[in-house]
């Protein structure tokens, strides 16, 4: 089975949990379309059929995933180039 990239999975889980909490706090009768989309994507990504199970699996996978790598921004690249001495 293919596994989603940990950064993508982490973003999906975070967005789902934040949006789910917001919907619960507002006591909306009909959750947003985005919440349904996130639930579906989490289920597909984890190979499950229930969003609660998908969240459990995602949390298990993320617990064993390597630590996120710091993104390299253009300014980081420029700083590295400037710090590298020129060959003589």
C-alpha atoms as a PDB file:
ATOM      1  CA  UNK A   1       0.000   0.000   0.000  1.00  0.00           C
ATOM      2  CA  UNK A   2       1.243   3.461  -0.826  1.00  0.00           C
ATOM      3  CA  UNK A   3       1.658   5.772   2.136  1.00  0.00           C
ATOM      4  CA  UNK A   4       1.186   9.531   1.980  1.00  0.00           C
ATOM      5  CA  UNK A   5       4.139  11.786   2.671  1.00  0.00           C
ATOM      6  CA  UNK A   6       4.230  12.582   6.411  1.00  0.00           C
ATOM      7  CA  UNK A   7       4.079  16.343   5.779  1.00  0.00           C
ATOM      8  CA  UNK A   8       0.943  15.950   3.658  1.00  0.00           C
ATOM      9  CA  UNK A   9      -0.675  13.602   6.155  1.00  0.00           C
ATOM     10  CA  UNK A  10       0.215  15.911   9.050  1.00  0.00           C
ATOM     11  CA  UNK A  11      -1.369  18.866   7.226  1.00  0.00           C
ATOM     12  CA  UNK A  12      -4.550  16.875   6.480  1.00  0.00           C
ATOM     13  CA  UNK A  13      -4.894  15.716  10.092  1.00  0.00           C
ATOM     14  CA  UNK A  14      -4.293  19.188  11.488  1.00  0.00           C
ATOM     15  CA  UNK A  15      -6.755  20.833   9.131  1.00  0.00           C
ATOM     16  CA  UNK A  16      -9.405  18.170   9.784  1.00  0.00           C
ATOM     17  CA  UNK A  17      -9.053  18.422  13.571  1.00  0.00           C
ATOM     18  CA  UNK A  18      -9.170  22.237  13.586  1.00  0.00           C
ATOM     19  CA  UNK A  19     -12.159  22.401  11.267  1.00  0.00           C
ATOM     20  CA  UNK A  20     -13.949  19.594  13.100  1.00  0.00           C
ATOM     21  CA  UNK A  21     -13.509  21.407  16.420  1.00  0.00           C
ATOM     22  CA  UNK A  22     -14.797  24.652  14.883  1.00  0.00           C
ATOM     23  CA  UNK A  23     -17.876  22.902  13.506  1.00  0.00           C
ATOM     24  CA  UNK A  24     -18.528  21.235  16.878  1.00  0.00           C
ATOM     25  CA  UNK A  25     -18.128  24.544  18.720  1.00  0.00           C
ATOM     26  CA  UNK A  26     -20.601  26.281  16.433  1.00  0.00           C
ATOM     27  CA  UNK A  27     -22.996  23.307  16.696  1.00  0.00           C
ATOM     28  CA  UNK A  28     -23.730  23.390  12.977  1.00  0.00           C
ATOM     29  CA  UNK A  29     -26.218  20.777  11.864  1.00  0.00           C
ATOM     30  CA  UNK A  30     -24.499  20.366   8.491  1.00  0.00           C
ATOM     31  CA  UNK A  31     -20.696  20.157   8.488  1.00  0.00           C
ATOM     32  CA  UNK A  32     -18.873  22.014   5.755  1.00  0.00           C
ATOM     33  CA  UNK A  33     -18.027  20.526   2.404  1.00  0.00           C
ATOM     34  CA  UNK A  34     -14.333  20.978   3.220  1.00  0.00           C
ATOM     35  CA  UNK A  35     -14.738  18.797   6.321  1.00  0.00           C
ATOM     36  CA  UNK A  36     -16.301  16.050   4.185  1.00  0.00           C
ATOM     37  CA  UNK A  37     -13.489  16.396   1.632  1.00  0.00           C
ATOM     38  CA  UNK A  38     -10.842  16.128   4.337  1.00  0.00           C
ATOM     39  CA  UNK A  39     -12.533  13.081   5.876  1.00  0.00           C
ATOM     40  CA  UNK A  40     -12.689  11.380   2.474  1.00  0.00           C
ATOM     41  CA  UNK A  41      -9.036  12.199   1.715  1.00  0.00           C
ATOM     42  CA  UNK A  42      -7.903  10.915   5.105  1.00  0.00           C
ATOM     43  CA  UNK A  43      -9.804   7.669   4.575  1.00  0.00           C
ATOM     44  CA  UNK A  44      -8.340   7.159   1.107  1.00  0.00           C
ATOM     45  CA  UNK A  45      -4.851   8.093   2.298  1.00  0.00           C
ATOM     46  CA  UNK A  46      -4.938   5.596   5.174  1.00  0.00           C
ATOM     47  CA  UNK A  47      -6.894   2.813   3.475  1.00  0.00           C
ATOM     48  CA  UNK A  48      -9.798   3.034   5.917  1.00  0.00           C
ATOM     49  CA  UNK A  49     -13.544   3.616   5.601  1.00  0.00           C
ATOM     50  CA  UNK A  50     -14.222   5.586   8.773  1.00  0.00           C
ATOM     51  CA  UNK A  51     -12.719   8.980   9.565  1.00  0.00           C
ATOM     52  CA  UNK A  52     -12.143   8.102  13.234  1.00  0.00           C
ATOM     53  CA  UNK A  53     -10.165   5.030  12.191  1.00  0.00           C
ATOM     54  CA  UNK A  54      -8.352   7.121   9.566  1.00  0.00           C
ATOM     55  CA  UNK A  55      -7.277   9.572  12.263  1.00  0.00           C
ATOM     56  CA  UNK A  56      -6.040   6.717  14.474  1.00  0.00           C
ATOM     57  CA  UNK A  57      -3.986   5.256  11.633  1.00  0.00           C
ATOM     58  CA  UNK A  58      -2.661   8.668  10.631  1.00  0.00           C
ATOM     59  CA  UNK A  59      -1.559   9.430  14.187  1.00  0.00           C
ATOM     60  CA  UNK A  60       0.177   6.032  14.392  1.00  0.00           C
ATOM     61  CA  UNK A  61       2.007   6.625  11.116  1.00  0.00           C
ATOM     62  CA  UNK A  62       2.996  10.148  12.116  1.00  0.00           C
ATOM     63  CA  UNK A  63       4.331   8.908  15.455  1.00  0.00           C
ATOM     64  CA  UNK A  64       6.819   6.698  13.605  1.00  0.00           C
ATOM     65  CA  UNK A  65       7.564   9.112  10.754  1.00  0.00           C
ATOM     66  CA  UNK A  66      10.886  10.913  10.635  1.00  0.00           C
ATOM     67  CA  UNK A  67      10.963  14.437  12.012  1.00  0.00           C
ATOM     68  CA  UNK A  68       9.941  17.079   9.502  1.00  0.00           C
ATOM     69  CA  UNK A  69      12.805  18.557   7.546  1.00  0.00           C
ATOM     70  CA  UNK A  70      13.170  22.308   7.702  1.00  0.00           C
ATOM     71  CA  UNK A  71      12.189  23.823   4.394  1.00  0.00           C
ATOM     72  CA  UNK A  72      14.890  25.619   2.475  1.00  0.00           C
ATOM     73  CA  UNK A  73      13.791  29.080   1.481  1.00  0.00           C
ATOM     74  CA  UNK A  74      15.454  31.239  -1.157  1.00  0.00           C
ATOM     75  CA  UNK A  75      16.956  33.422   1.589  1.00  0.00           C
ATOM     76  CA  UNK A  76      18.558  30.335   3.186  1.00  0.00           C
ATOM     77  CA  UNK A  77      20.159  29.415  -0.137  1.00  0.00           C
ATOM     78  CA  UNK A  78      21.498  32.953  -0.594  1.00  0.00           C
ATOM     79  CA  UNK A  79      22.934  32.954   2.942  1.00  0.00           C
ATOM     80  CA  UNK A  80      24.677  29.642   2.284  1.00  0.00           C
ATOM     81  CA  UNK A  81      26.162  30.899  -0.976  1.00  0.00           C
ATOM     82  CA  UNK A  82      27.443  34.040   0.685  1.00  0.00           C
ATOM     83  CA  UNK A  83      28.984  32.075   3.577  1.00  0.00           C
ATOM     84  CA  UNK A  84      30.889  29.722   1.243  1.00  0.00           C
ATOM     85  CA  UNK A  85      34.424  30.984   0.574  1.00  0.00           C
ATOM     86  CA  UNK A  86      35.444  31.408  -3.044  1.00  0.00           C
ATOM     87  CA  UNK A  87      38.179  29.035  -4.258  1.00  0.00           C
ATOM     88  CA  UNK A  88      41.521  30.758  -4.848  1.00  0.00           C
END
